[in-house]
């Protein structure tokens, strides 16, 4: 009788372990199925482009754009040159060295000398 009880107990424990294994397998199967469904939705959302193609497109767009900082620096240099703000221009305006650019005063002075001549 004791041996029958032990065998029955072992049989119940084996059945219990089998049920636990089956439950864990079902949980894993559901997780795999969900992952596959998500991957499928993701592929249709993104399209059929690969990650490498997307990265190359992004790099191309970023590298193809003009740098706003560089543009502002170029415009600032142009404004500075047009506004006679360089060191040579300021020195010439103070009478040190020859004038690099012709100013409105220079033009008026030439016109006055031509009228008087």
PDB file of N, CA and C in Angstrom:
ATOM      1  N   UNK A   1       0.816  -1.184   0.000  1.00  0.00           N
ATOM      2  CA  UNK A   1       0.000   0.000   0.000  1.00  0.00           C
ATOM      3  C   UNK A   1       0.869   1.261   0.000  1.00  0.00           C
ATOM      4  N   UNK A   2       1.959   1.257   0.821  1.00  0.00           N
ATOM      5  CA  UNK A   2       2.855   2.417   0.857  1.00  0.00           C
ATOM      6  C   UNK A   2       3.493   2.664  -0.502  1.00  0.00           C
ATOM      7  N   UNK A   3       3.832   1.591  -1.193  1.00  0.00           N
ATOM      8  CA  UNK A   3       4.447   1.738  -2.514  1.00  0.00           C
ATOM      9  C   UNK A   3       3.446   2.313  -3.513  1.00  0.00           C
ATOM     10  N   UNK A   4       2.209   1.914  -3.409  1.00  0.00           N
ATOM     11  CA  UNK A   4       1.183   2.466  -4.290  1.00  0.00           C
ATOM     12  C   UNK A   4       1.008   3.956  -4.034  1.00  0.00           C
ATOM     13  N   UNK A   5       1.022   4.343  -2.764  1.00  0.00           N
ATOM     14  CA  UNK A   5       0.899   5.761  -2.401  1.00  0.00           C
ATOM     15  C   UNK A   5       2.086   6.543  -2.959  1.00  0.00           C
ATOM     16  N   UNK A   6       3.281   5.997  -2.833  1.00  0.00           N
ATOM     17  CA  UNK A   6       4.493   6.674  -3.346  1.00  0.00           C
ATOM     18  C   UNK A   6       4.412   6.807  -4.861  1.00  0.00           C
ATOM     19  N   UNK A   7       4.007   5.718  -5.550  1.00  0.00           N
ATOM     20  CA  UNK A   7       3.883   5.776  -7.013  1.00  0.00           C
ATOM     21  C   UNK A   7       2.810   6.781  -7.426  1.00  0.00           C
ATOM     22  N   UNK A   8       1.717   6.778  -6.707  1.00  0.00           N
ATOM     23  CA  UNK A   8       0.649   7.731  -7.013  1.00  0.00           C
ATOM     24  C   UNK A   8       1.115   9.161  -6.789  1.00  0.00           C
ATOM     25  N   UNK A   9       1.831   9.386  -5.703  1.00  0.00           N
ATOM     26  CA  UNK A   9       2.379  10.717  -5.408  1.00  0.00           C
ATOM     27  C   UNK A   9       3.354  11.142  -6.495  1.00  0.00           C
ATOM     28  N   UNK A  10       4.258  10.254  -6.915  1.00  0.00           N
ATOM     29  CA  UNK A  10       5.212  10.544  -7.990  1.00  0.00           C
ATOM     30  C   UNK A  10       4.487  10.829  -9.302  1.00  0.00           C
ATOM     31  N   UNK A  11       3.419  10.064  -9.543  1.00  0.00           N
ATOM     32  CA  UNK A  11       2.638  10.272 -10.763  1.00  0.00           C
ATOM     33  C   UNK A  11       1.964  11.643 -10.745  1.00  0.00           C
ATOM     34  N   UNK A  12       1.431  12.012  -9.594  1.00  0.00           N
ATOM     35  CA  UNK A  12       0.781  13.329  -9.464  1.00  0.00           C
ATOM     36  C   UNK A  12       1.808  14.444  -9.630  1.00  0.00           C
ATOM     37  N   UNK A  13       2.983  14.308  -9.020  1.00  0.00           N
ATOM     38  CA  UNK A  13       4.042  15.313  -9.152  1.00  0.00           C
ATOM     39  C   UNK A  13       4.503  15.431 -10.598  1.00  0.00           C
ATOM     40  N   UNK A  14       4.644  14.299 -11.284  1.00  0.00           N
ATOM     41  CA  UNK A  14       5.046  14.326 -12.701  1.00  0.00           C
ATOM     42  C   UNK A  14       3.976  15.015 -13.531  1.00  0.00           C
ATOM     43  N   UNK A  15       2.700  14.730 -13.250  1.00  0.00           N
ATOM     44  CA  UNK A  15       1.598  15.390 -13.958  1.00  0.00           C
ATOM     45  C   UNK A  15       1.580  16.889 -13.694  1.00  0.00           C
ATOM     46  N   UNK A  16       1.844  17.230 -12.435  1.00  0.00           N
ATOM     47  CA  UNK A  16       1.890  18.654 -12.059  1.00  0.00           C
ATOM     48  C   UNK A  16       3.021  19.376 -12.798  1.00  0.00           C
ATOM     49  N   UNK A  17       4.212  18.750 -12.847  1.00  0.00           N
ATOM     50  CA  UNK A  17       5.345  19.346 -13.584  1.00  0.00           C
ATOM     51  C   UNK A  17       5.011  19.480 -15.066  1.00  0.00           C
ATOM     52  N   UNK A  18       4.318  18.465 -15.603  1.00  0.00           N
ATOM     53  CA  UNK A  18       3.943  18.500 -17.022  1.00  0.00           C
ATOM     54  C   UNK A  18       2.975  19.649 -17.286  1.00  0.00           C
ATOM     55  N   UNK A  19       2.030  19.865 -16.384  1.00  0.00           N
ATOM     56  CA  UNK A  19       1.079  20.981 -16.532  1.00  0.00           C
ATOM     57  C   UNK A  19       1.815  22.319 -16.484  1.00  0.00           C
ATOM     58  N   UNK A  20       2.761  22.450 -15.560  1.00  0.00           N
ATOM     59  CA  UNK A  20       3.553  23.686 -15.461  1.00  0.00           C
ATOM     60  C   UNK A  20       4.341  23.901 -16.750  1.00  0.00           C
ATOM     61  N   UNK A  21       4.973  22.857 -17.272  1.00  0.00           N
ATOM     62  CA  UNK A  21       5.730  22.969 -18.528  1.00  0.00           C
ATOM     63  C   UNK A  21       4.825  23.382 -19.685  1.00  0.00           C
ATOM     64  N   UNK A  22       3.632  22.794 -19.727  1.00  0.00           N
ATOM     65  CA  UNK A  22       2.685  23.141 -20.796  1.00  0.00           C
ATOM     66  C   UNK A  22       2.230  24.596 -20.694  1.00  0.00           C
ATOM     67  N   UNK A  23       1.980  25.061 -19.467  1.00  0.00           N
ATOM     68  CA  UNK A  23       1.579  26.457 -19.277  1.00  0.00           C
ATOM     69  C   UNK A  23       2.703  27.399 -19.711  1.00  0.00           C
ATOM     70  N   UNK A  24       3.941  27.086 -19.328  1.00  0.00           N
ATOM     71  CA  UNK A  24       5.078  27.918 -19.732  1.00  0.00           C
ATOM     72  C   UNK A  24       5.254  27.905 -21.248  1.00  0.00           C
ATOM     73  N   UNK A  25       5.056  26.726 -21.864  1.00  0.00           N
ATOM     74  CA  UNK A  25       5.143  26.633 -23.318  1.00  0.00           C
ATOM     75  C   UNK A  25       4.076  27.465 -23.998  1.00  0.00           C
ATOM     76  N   UNK A  26       2.865  27.463 -23.427  1.00  0.00           N
ATOM     77  CA  UNK A  26       1.775  28.265 -23.994  1.00  0.00           C
ATOM     78  C   UNK A  26       2.087  29.756 -23.881  1.00  0.00           C
ATOM     79  N   UNK A  27       2.644  30.159 -22.749  1.00  0.00           N
ATOM     80  CA  UNK A  27       3.017  31.560 -22.564  1.00  0.00           C
ATOM     81  C   UNK A  27       4.087  31.961 -23.580  1.00  0.00           C
ATOM     82  N   UNK A  28       5.064  31.109 -23.769  1.00  0.00           N
ATOM     83  CA  UNK A  28       6.121  31.401 -24.742  1.00  0.00           C
ATOM     84  C   UNK A  28       5.562  31.452 -26.163  1.00  0.00           C
ATOM     85  N   UNK A  29       4.667  30.538 -26.487  1.00  0.00           N
ATOM     86  CA  UNK A  29       4.074  30.513 -27.825  1.00  0.00           C
ATOM     87  C   UNK A  29       3.277  31.793 -28.081  1.00  0.00           C
ATOM     88  N   UNK A  30       2.510  32.257 -27.084  1.00  0.00           N
ATOM     89  CA  UNK A  30       1.764  33.518 -27.232  1.00  0.00           C
ATOM     90  C   UNK A  30       2.702  34.700 -27.407  1.00  0.00           C
ATOM     91  N   UNK A  31       3.794  34.705 -26.670  1.00  0.00           N
ATOM     92  CA  UNK A  31       4.765  35.807 -26.793  1.00  0.00           C
ATOM     93  C   UNK A  31       5.390  35.817 -28.183  1.00  0.00           C
ATOM     94  N   UNK A  32       5.730  34.649 -28.695  1.00  0.00           N
ATOM     95  CA  UNK A  32       6.312  34.567 -30.039  1.00  0.00           C
ATOM     96  C   UNK A  32       5.292  35.021 -31.072  1.00  0.00           C
ATOM     97  N   UNK A  33       4.044  34.599 -30.922  1.00  0.00           N
ATOM     98  CA  UNK A  33       2.989  35.006 -31.851  1.00  0.00           C
ATOM     99  C   UNK A  33       2.790  36.520 -31.825  1.00  0.00           C
ATOM    100  N   UNK A  34       2.794  37.129 -30.643  1.00  0.00           N
ATOM    101  CA  UNK A  34       2.661  38.597 -30.525  1.00  0.00           C
ATOM    102  C   UNK A  34       3.836  39.304 -31.180  1.00  0.00           C
ATOM    103  N   UNK A  35       5.026  38.790 -30.938  1.00  0.00           N
ATOM    104  CA  UNK A  35       6.211  39.395 -31.545  1.00  0.00           C
ATOM    105  C   UNK A  35       6.135  39.333 -33.062  1.00  0.00           C
ATOM    106  N   UNK A  36       5.690  38.204 -33.598  1.00  0.00           N
ATOM    107  CA  UNK A  36       5.571  38.079 -35.051  1.00  0.00           C
ATOM    108  C   UNK A  36       4.522  39.042 -35.600  1.00  0.00           C
ATOM    109  N   UNK A  37       3.426  39.212 -34.878  1.00  0.00           N
ATOM    110  CA  UNK A  37       2.386  40.143 -35.317  1.00  0.00           C
ATOM    111  C   UNK A  37       2.901  41.574 -35.300  1.00  0.00           C
ATOM    112  N   UNK A  38       3.634  41.927 -34.263  1.00  0.00           N
ATOM    113  CA  UNK A  38       4.197  43.276 -34.164  1.00  0.00           C
ATOM    114  C   UNK A  38       5.213  43.505 -35.276  1.00  0.00           C
ATOM    115  N   UNK A  39       6.061  42.514 -35.531  1.00  0.00           N
ATOM    116  CA  UNK A  39       7.045  42.637 -36.616  1.00  0.00           C
ATOM    117  C   UNK A  39       6.342  42.825 -37.955  1.00  0.00           C
ATOM    118  N   UNK A  40       5.261  42.091 -38.168  1.00  0.00           N
ATOM    119  CA  UNK A  40       4.509  42.201 -39.408  1.00  0.00           C
ATOM    120  C   UNK A  40       3.922  43.601 -39.561  1.00  0.00           C
ATOM    121  N   UNK A  41       3.321  44.117 -38.492  1.00  0.00           N
ATOM    122  CA  UNK A  41       2.768  45.481 -38.533  1.00  0.00           C
ATOM    123  C   UNK A  41       3.865  46.510 -38.744  1.00  0.00           C
ATOM    124  N   UNK A  42       4.982  46.323 -38.092  1.00  0.00           N
ATOM    125  CA  UNK A  42       6.098  47.247 -38.225  1.00  0.00           C
ATOM    126  C   UNK A  42       6.624  47.265 -39.648  1.00  0.00           C
ATOM    127  N   UNK A  43       6.732  46.098 -40.259  1.00  0.00           N
ATOM    128  CA  UNK A  43       7.217  46.025 -41.636  1.00  0.00           C
ATOM    129  C   UNK A  43       6.271  46.708 -42.601  1.00  0.00           C
ATOM    130  N   UNK A  44       4.957  46.573 -42.377  1.00  0.00           N
ATOM    131  CA  UNK A  44       4.019  47.250 -43.270  1.00  0.00           C
ATOM    132  C   UNK A  44       4.003  48.744 -43.006  1.00  0.00           C
ATOM    133  N   UNK A  45       4.231  49.161 -41.760  1.00  0.00           N
ATOM    134  CA  UNK A  45       4.253  50.584 -41.437  1.00  0.00           C
ATOM    135  C   UNK A  45       5.481  51.265 -42.033  1.00  0.00           C
ATOM    136  N   UNK A  46       6.611  50.662 -41.835  1.00  0.00           N
ATOM    137  CA  UNK A  46       7.860  51.246 -42.320  1.00  0.00           C
ATOM    138  C   UNK A  46       7.971  51.111 -43.828  1.00  0.00           C
ATOM    139  N   UNK A  47       7.378  50.104 -44.354  1.00  0.00           N
ATOM    140  CA  UNK A  47       7.556  49.823 -45.771  1.00  0.00           C
ATOM    141  C   UNK A  47       8.600  48.735 -45.889  1.00  0.00           C
ATOM    142  N   UNK A  48       8.964  48.470 -47.052  1.00  0.00           N
ATOM    143  CA  UNK A  48       9.898  47.367 -47.276  1.00  0.00           C
ATOM    144  C   UNK A  48      11.342  47.835 -47.374  1.00  0.00           C
ATOM    145  N   UNK A  49      11.655  49.039 -46.879  1.00  0.00           N
ATOM    146  CA  UNK A  49      13.034  49.526 -46.915  1.00  0.00           C
ATOM    147  C   UNK A  49      13.799  48.960 -45.733  1.00  0.00           C
ATOM    148  N   UNK A  50      15.057  48.718 -45.936  1.00  0.00           N
ATOM    149  CA  UNK A  50      15.882  48.176 -44.861  1.00  0.00           C
ATOM    150  C   UNK A  50      16.426  49.314 -44.003  1.00  0.00           C
ATOM    151  N   UNK A  51      16.941  48.966 -42.860  1.00  0.00           N
ATOM    152  CA  UNK A  51      17.506  49.970 -41.956  1.00  0.00           C
ATOM    153  C   UNK A  51      18.700  50.668 -42.597  1.00  0.00           C
ATOM    154  N   UNK A  52      19.485  49.929 -43.351  1.00  0.00           N
ATOM    155  CA  UNK A  52      20.656  50.529 -43.996  1.00  0.00           C
ATOM    156  C   UNK A  52      20.222  51.570 -45.017  1.00  0.00           C
ATOM    157  N   UNK A  53      19.177  51.277 -45.771  1.00  0.00           N
ATOM    158  CA  UNK A  53      18.686  52.248 -46.755  1.00  0.00           C
ATOM    159  C   UNK A  53      18.151  53.488 -46.069  1.00  0.00           C
ATOM    160  N   UNK A  54      17.415  53.294 -44.967  1.00  0.00           N
ATOM    161  CA  UNK A  54      16.894  54.432 -44.220  1.00  0.00           C
ATOM    162  C   UNK A  54      18.031  55.288 -43.675  1.00  0.00           C
ATOM    163  N   UNK A  55      19.062  54.648 -43.155  1.00  0.00           N
ATOM    164  CA  UNK A  55      20.204  55.392 -42.608  1.00  0.00           C
ATOM    165  C   UNK A  55      20.904  56.176 -43.705  1.00  0.00           C
ATOM    166  N   UNK A  56      21.088  55.567 -44.874  1.00  0.00           N
ATOM    167  CA  UNK A  56      21.730  56.268 -45.978  1.00  0.00           C
ATOM    168  C   UNK A  56      20.901  57.461 -46.431  1.00  0.00           C
ATOM    169  N   UNK A  57      19.584  57.302 -46.501  1.00  0.00           N
ATOM    170  CA  UNK A  57      18.717  58.406 -46.886  1.00  0.00           C
ATOM    171  C   UNK A  57      18.804  59.543 -45.875  1.00  0.00           C
ATOM    172  N   UNK A  58      18.791  59.196 -44.588  1.00  0.00           N
ATOM    173  CA  UNK A  58      18.882  60.219 -43.541  1.00  0.00           C
ATOM    174  C   UNK A  58      20.201  60.961 -43.623  1.00  0.00           C
ATOM    175  N   UNK A  59      21.290  60.229 -43.791  1.00  0.00           N
ATOM    176  CA  UNK A  59      22.609  60.866 -43.899  1.00  0.00           C
ATOM    177  C   UNK A  59      22.647  61.777 -45.119  1.00  0.00           C
ATOM    178  N   UNK A  60      22.092  61.315 -46.227  1.00  0.00           N
ATOM    179  CA  UNK A  60      22.063  62.133 -47.440  1.00  0.00           C
ATOM    180  C   UNK A  60      21.285  63.417 -47.246  1.00  0.00           C
ATOM    181  N   UNK A  61      20.141  63.333 -46.562  1.00  0.00           N
ATOM    182  CA  UNK A  61      19.345  64.542 -46.318  1.00  0.00           C
ATOM    183  C   UNK A  61      20.075  65.508 -45.402  1.00  0.00           C
ATOM    184  N   UNK A  62      20.686  64.973 -44.350  1.00  0.00           N
ATOM    185  CA  UNK A  62      21.381  65.842 -43.389  1.00  0.00           C
ATOM    186  C   UNK A  62      22.606  66.492 -44.027  1.00  0.00           C
ATOM    187  N   UNK A  63      23.384  65.693 -44.752  1.00  0.00           N
ATOM    188  CA  UNK A  63      24.601  66.224 -45.356  1.00  0.00           C
ATOM    189  C   UNK A  63      24.286  67.164 -46.524  1.00  0.00           C
ATOM    190  N   UNK A  64      23.139  66.979 -47.162  1.00  0.00           N
ATOM    191  CA  UNK A  64      22.767  67.820 -48.303  1.00  0.00           C
ATOM    192  C   UNK A  64      22.253  69.182 -47.903  1.00  0.00           C
ATOM    193  N   UNK A  65      21.828  69.324 -46.663  1.00  0.00           N
ATOM    194  CA  UNK A  65      21.304  70.609 -46.204  1.00  0.00           C
ATOM    195  C   UNK A  65      22.444  71.602 -45.976  1.00  0.00           C
ATOM    196  N   UNK A  66      22.126  72.858 -46.218  1.00  0.00           N
ATOM    197  CA  UNK A  66      23.097  73.915 -45.944  1.00  0.00           C
ATOM    198  C   UNK A  66      23.181  74.137 -44.440  1.00  0.00           C
ATOM    199  N   UNK A  67      24.368  74.464 -43.997  1.00  0.00           N
ATOM    200  CA  UNK A  67      24.593  74.722 -42.583  1.00  0.00           C
ATOM    201  C   UNK A  67      24.147  76.152 -42.274  1.00  0.00           C
ATOM    202  N   UNK A  68      23.128  76.346 -41.438  1.00  0.00           N
ATOM    203  CA  UNK A  68      22.651  77.701 -41.158  1.00  0.00           C
ATOM    204  C   UNK A  68      23.713  78.559 -40.476  1.00  0.00           C
ATOM    205  N   UNK A  69      24.549  77.955 -39.653  1.00  0.00           N
ATOM    206  CA  UNK A  69      25.616  78.721 -39.001  1.00  0.00           C
ATOM    207  C   UNK A  69      26.602  79.247 -40.038  1.00  0.00           C
ATOM    208  N   UNK A  70      26.975  78.384 -40.988  1.00  0.00           N
ATOM    209  CA  UNK A  70      27.906  78.791 -42.038  1.00  0.00           C
ATOM    210  C   UNK A  70      27.293  79.895 -42.893  1.00  0.00           C
ATOM    211  N   UNK A  71      26.016  79.782 -43.215  1.00  0.00           N
ATOM    212  CA  UNK A  71      25.345  80.807 -44.006  1.00  0.00           C
ATOM    213  C   UNK A  71      25.341  82.142 -43.267  1.00  0.00           C
ATOM    214  N   UNK A  72      25.059  82.104 -41.969  1.00  0.00           N
ATOM    215  CA  UNK A  72      25.025  83.358 -41.212  1.00  0.00           C
ATOM    216  C   UNK A  72      26.410  83.991 -41.125  1.00  0.00           C
ATOM    217  N   UNK A  73      27.446  83.148 -41.015  1.00  0.00           N
ATOM    218  CA  UNK A  73      28.811  83.681 -40.997  1.00  0.00           C
ATOM    219  C   UNK A  73      29.166  84.351 -42.328  1.00  0.00           C
ATOM    220  N   UNK A  74      28.783  83.733 -43.423  1.00  0.00           N
ATOM    221  CA  UNK A  74      29.060  84.310 -44.746  1.00  0.00           C
ATOM    222  C   UNK A  74      28.334  85.641 -44.889  1.00  0.00           C
ATOM    223  N   UNK A  75      27.068  85.683 -44.492  1.00  0.00           N
ATOM    224  CA  UNK A  75      26.308  86.937 -44.581  1.00  0.00           C
ATOM    225  C   UNK A  75      26.901  88.012 -43.673  1.00  0.00           C
ATOM    226  N   UNK A  76      27.365  87.618 -42.504  1.00  0.00           N
ATOM    227  CA  UNK A  76      27.977  88.578 -41.584  1.00  0.00           C
ATOM    228  C   UNK A  76      29.263  89.154 -42.193  1.00  0.00           C
ATOM    229  N   UNK A  77      30.064  88.288 -42.843  1.00  0.00           N
ATOM    230  CA  UNK A  77      31.288  88.773 -43.500  1.00  0.00           C
ATOM    231  C   UNK A  77      30.965  89.731 -44.632  1.00  0.00           C
ATOM    232  N   UNK A  78      29.956  89.417 -45.411  1.00  0.00           N
ATOM    233  CA  UNK A  78      29.560  90.300 -46.513  1.00  0.00           C
ATOM    234  C   UNK A  78      29.096  91.641 -45.974  1.00  0.00           C
ATOM    235  N   UNK A  79      28.255  91.625 -44.940  1.00  0.00           N
ATOM    236  CA  UNK A  79      27.795  92.871 -44.334  1.00  0.00           C
ATOM    237  C   UNK A  79      28.951  93.686 -43.783  1.00  0.00           C
ATOM    238  N   UNK A  80      29.897  93.010 -43.155  1.00  0.00           N
ATOM    239  CA  UNK A  80      31.045  93.723 -42.579  1.00  0.00           C
ATOM    240  C   UNK A  80      31.883  94.369 -43.683  1.00  0.00           C
ATOM    241  N   UNK A  81      32.093  93.636 -44.781  1.00  0.00           N
ATOM    242  CA  UNK A  81      32.873  94.194 -45.888  1.00  0.00           C
ATOM    243  C   UNK A  81      32.152  95.351 -46.564  1.00  0.00           C
ATOM    244  N   UNK A  82      30.846  95.245 -46.708  1.00  0.00           N
ATOM    245  CA  UNK A  82      30.088  96.320 -47.344  1.00  0.00           C
ATOM    246  C   UNK A  82      29.964  97.537 -46.436  1.00  0.00           C
ATOM    247  N   UNK A  83      30.020  97.351 -45.160  1.00  0.00           N
ATOM    248  CA  UNK A  83      29.855  98.447 -44.215  1.00  0.00           C
ATOM    249  C   UNK A  83      31.156  99.141 -43.861  1.00  0.00           C
ATOM    250  N   UNK A  84      32.247  98.867 -44.559  1.00  0.00           N
ATOM    251  CA  UNK A  84      33.561  99.472 -44.290  1.00  0.00           C
ATOM    252  C   UNK A  84      33.963  99.276 -42.837  1.00  0.00           C
ATOM    253  N   UNK A  85      33.814  98.089 -42.333  1.00  0.00           N
ATOM    254  CA  UNK A  85      34.144  97.825 -40.943  1.00  0.00           C
ATOM    255  C   UNK A  85      35.437  97.041 -40.778  1.00  0.00           C
ATOM    256  N   UNK A  86      36.178  96.826 -41.865  1.00  0.00           N
ATOM    257  CA  UNK A  86      37.433  96.107 -41.726  1.00  0.00           C
ATOM    258  C   UNK A  86      38.471  97.035 -41.110  1.00  0.00           C
ATOM    259  N   UNK A  87      39.522  96.482 -40.595  1.00  0.00           N
ATOM    260  CA  UNK A  87      40.566  97.270 -39.951  1.00  0.00           C
ATOM    261  C   UNK A  87      41.204  98.248 -40.932  1.00  0.00           C
ATOM    262  N   UNK A  88      41.480  97.775 -42.156  1.00  0.00           N
ATOM    263  CA  UNK A  88      42.096  98.658 -43.152  1.00  0.00           C
ATOM    264  C   UNK A  88      41.185  99.830 -43.480  1.00  0.00           C
ATOM    265  N   UNK A  89      39.890  99.585 -43.578  1.00  0.00           N
ATOM    266  CA  UNK A  89      38.940 100.675 -43.862  1.00  0.00           C
ATOM    267  C   UNK A  89      38.896 101.682 -42.718  1.00  0.00           C
ATOM    268  N   UNK A  90      38.881 101.178 -41.494  1.00  0.00           N
ATOM    269  CA  UNK A  90      38.831 102.093 -40.346  1.00  0.00           C
ATOM    270  C   UNK A  90      40.110 102.916 -40.240  1.00  0.00           C
ATOM    271  N   UNK A  91      41.253 102.288 -40.519  1.00  0.00           N
ATOM    272  CA  UNK A  91      42.527 103.028 -40.471  1.00  0.00           C
ATOM    273  C   UNK A  91      42.567 104.108 -41.557  1.00  0.00           C
ATOM    274  N   UNK A  92      42.086 103.738 -42.751  1.00  0.00           N
ATOM    275  CA  UNK A  92      42.070 104.708 -43.847  1.00  0.00           C
ATOM    276  C   UNK A  92      41.124 105.860 -43.524  1.00  0.00           C
ATOM    277  N   UNK A  93      40.004 105.578 -42.900  1.00  0.00           N
ATOM    278  CA  UNK A  93      39.058 106.634 -42.519  1.00  0.00           C
ATOM    279  C   UNK A  93      39.683 107.599 -41.520  1.00  0.00           C
ATOM    280  N   UNK A  94      40.615 107.132 -40.698  1.00  0.00           N
ATOM    281  CA  UNK A  94      41.284 107.977 -39.723  1.00  0.00           C
ATOM    282  C   UNK A  94      42.508 108.689 -40.299  1.00  0.00           C
ATOM    283  N   UNK A  95      42.785 108.421 -41.578  1.00  0.00           N
ATOM    284  CA  UNK A  95      43.896 109.110 -42.222  1.00  0.00           C
ATOM    285  C   UNK A  95      45.189 108.329 -42.236  1.00  0.00           C
ATOM    286  N   UNK A  96      45.186 107.085 -41.843  1.00  0.00           N
ATOM    287  CA  UNK A  96      46.388 106.263 -41.857  1.00  0.00           C
ATOM    288  C   UNK A  96      46.376 105.396 -43.111  1.00  0.00           C
ATOM    289  N   UNK A  97      47.172 105.744 -44.077  1.00  0.00           N
ATOM    290  CA  UNK A  97      47.260 104.966 -45.305  1.00  0.00           C
ATOM    291  C   UNK A  97      46.251 105.430 -46.343  1.00  0.00           C
ATOM    292  N   UNK A  98      46.383 104.838 -47.511  1.00  0.00           N
ATOM    293  CA  UNK A  98      45.493 105.181 -48.620  1.00  0.00           C
ATOM    294  C   UNK A  98      44.137 104.514 -48.420  1.00  0.00           C
ATOM    295  N   UNK A  99      43.111 105.176 -48.924  1.00  0.00           N
ATOM    296  CA  UNK A  99      41.760 104.622 -48.841  1.00  0.00           C
ATOM    297  C   UNK A  99      41.656 103.412 -49.762  1.00  0.00           C
ATOM    298  N   UNK A 100      41.060 102.401 -49.275  1.00  0.00           N
ATOM    299  CA  UNK A 100      40.917 101.185 -50.056  1.00  0.00           C
ATOM    300  C   UNK A 100      39.698 101.269 -50.956  1.00  0.00           C
ATOM    301  N   UNK A 101      38.669 101.936 -50.488  1.00  0.00           N
ATOM    302  CA  UNK A 101      37.433 102.063 -51.248  1.00  0.00           C
ATOM    303  C   UNK A 101      37.135 103.530 -51.490  1.00  0.00           C
ATOM    304  N   UNK A 102      36.380 103.719 -52.533  1.00  0.00           N
ATOM    305  CA  UNK A 102      35.950 105.078 -52.852  1.00  0.00           C
ATOM    306  C   UNK A 102      34.679 105.370 -52.081  1.00  0.00           C
ATOM    307  N   UNK A 103      34.665 106.508 -51.414  1.00  0.00           N
ATOM    308  CA  UNK A 103      33.497 106.889 -50.632  1.00  0.00           C
ATOM    309  C   UNK A 103      32.730 107.987 -51.363  1.00  0.00           C
ATOM    310  N   UNK A 104      31.571 108.310 -50.847  1.00  0.00           N
ATOM    311  CA  UNK A 104      30.757 109.376 -51.439  1.00  0.00           C
ATOM    312  C   UNK A 104      31.478 110.709 -51.333  1.00  0.00           C
ATOM    313  N   UNK A 105      32.215 110.933 -50.242  1.00  0.00           N
ATOM    314  CA  UNK A 105      32.974 112.191 -50.085  1.00  0.00           C
ATOM    315  C   UNK A 105      34.046 112.303 -51.162  1.00  0.00           C
ATOM    316  N   UNK A 106      34.701 111.173 -51.507  1.00  0.00           N
ATOM    317  CA  UNK A 106      35.712 111.190 -52.567  1.00  0.00           C
ATOM    318  C   UNK A 106      35.102 111.582 -53.908  1.00  0.00           C
ATOM    319  N   UNK A 107      33.953 111.067 -54.197  1.00  0.00           N
ATOM    320  CA  UNK A 107      33.273 111.373 -55.462  1.00  0.00           C
ATOM    321  C   UNK A 107      32.890 112.851 -55.496  1.00  0.00           C
ATOM    322  N   UNK A 108      32.342 113.363 -54.398  1.00  0.00           N
ATOM    323  CA  UNK A 108      31.963 114.779 -54.349  1.00  0.00           C
ATOM    324  C   UNK A 108      33.182 115.679 -54.481  1.00  0.00           C
ATOM    325  N   UNK A 109      34.301 115.309 -53.860  1.00  0.00           N
ATOM    326  CA  UNK A 109      35.521 116.119 -53.953  1.00  0.00           C
ATOM    327  C   UNK A 109      36.017 116.156 -55.390  1.00  0.00           C
ATOM    328  N   UNK A 110      35.980 115.038 -56.086  1.00  0.00           N
ATOM    329  CA  UNK A 110      36.405 115.022 -57.496  1.00  0.00           C
ATOM    330  C   UNK A 110      35.500 115.878 -58.361  1.00  0.00           C
ATOM    331  N   UNK A 111      34.195 115.811 -58.104  1.00  0.00           N
ATOM    332  CA  UNK A 111      33.249 116.607 -58.893  1.00  0.00           C
ATOM    333  C   UNK A 111      33.491 118.110 -58.662  1.00  0.00           C
ATOM    334  N   UNK A 112      33.812 118.486 -57.424  1.00  0.00           N
ATOM    335  CA  UNK A 112      34.075 119.900 -57.119  1.00  0.00           C
ATOM    336  C   UNK A 112      35.330 120.373 -57.808  1.00  0.00           C
ATOM    337  N   UNK A 113      36.369 119.511 -57.852  1.00  0.00           N
ATOM    338  CA  UNK A 113      37.605 119.928 -58.496  1.00  0.00           C
ATOM    339  C   UNK A 113      37.432 120.018 -60.000  1.00  0.00           C
ATOM    340  N   UNK A 114      36.581 119.215 -60.586  1.00  0.00           N
ATOM    341  CA  UNK A 114      36.330 119.297 -62.022  1.00  0.00           C
ATOM    342  C   UNK A 114      35.541 120.538 -62.355  1.00  0.00           C
ATOM    343  N   UNK A 115      34.591 120.972 -61.511  1.00  0.00           N
ATOM    344  CA  UNK A 115      33.802 122.171 -61.753  1.00  0.00           C
ATOM    345  C   UNK A 115      34.674 123.411 -61.674  1.00  0.00           C
ATOM    346  N   UNK A 116      35.555 123.401 -60.736  1.00  0.00           N
ATOM    347  CA  UNK A 116      36.392 124.594 -60.569  1.00  0.00           C
ATOM    348  C   UNK A 116      37.464 124.668 -61.631  1.00  0.00           C
ATOM    349  N   UNK A 117      37.781 123.592 -62.282  1.00  0.00           N
ATOM    350  CA  UNK A 117      38.832 123.630 -63.295  1.00  0.00           C
ATOM    351  C   UNK A 117      38.356 124.053 -64.624  1.00  0.00           C
TER     352      UNK A 117
END
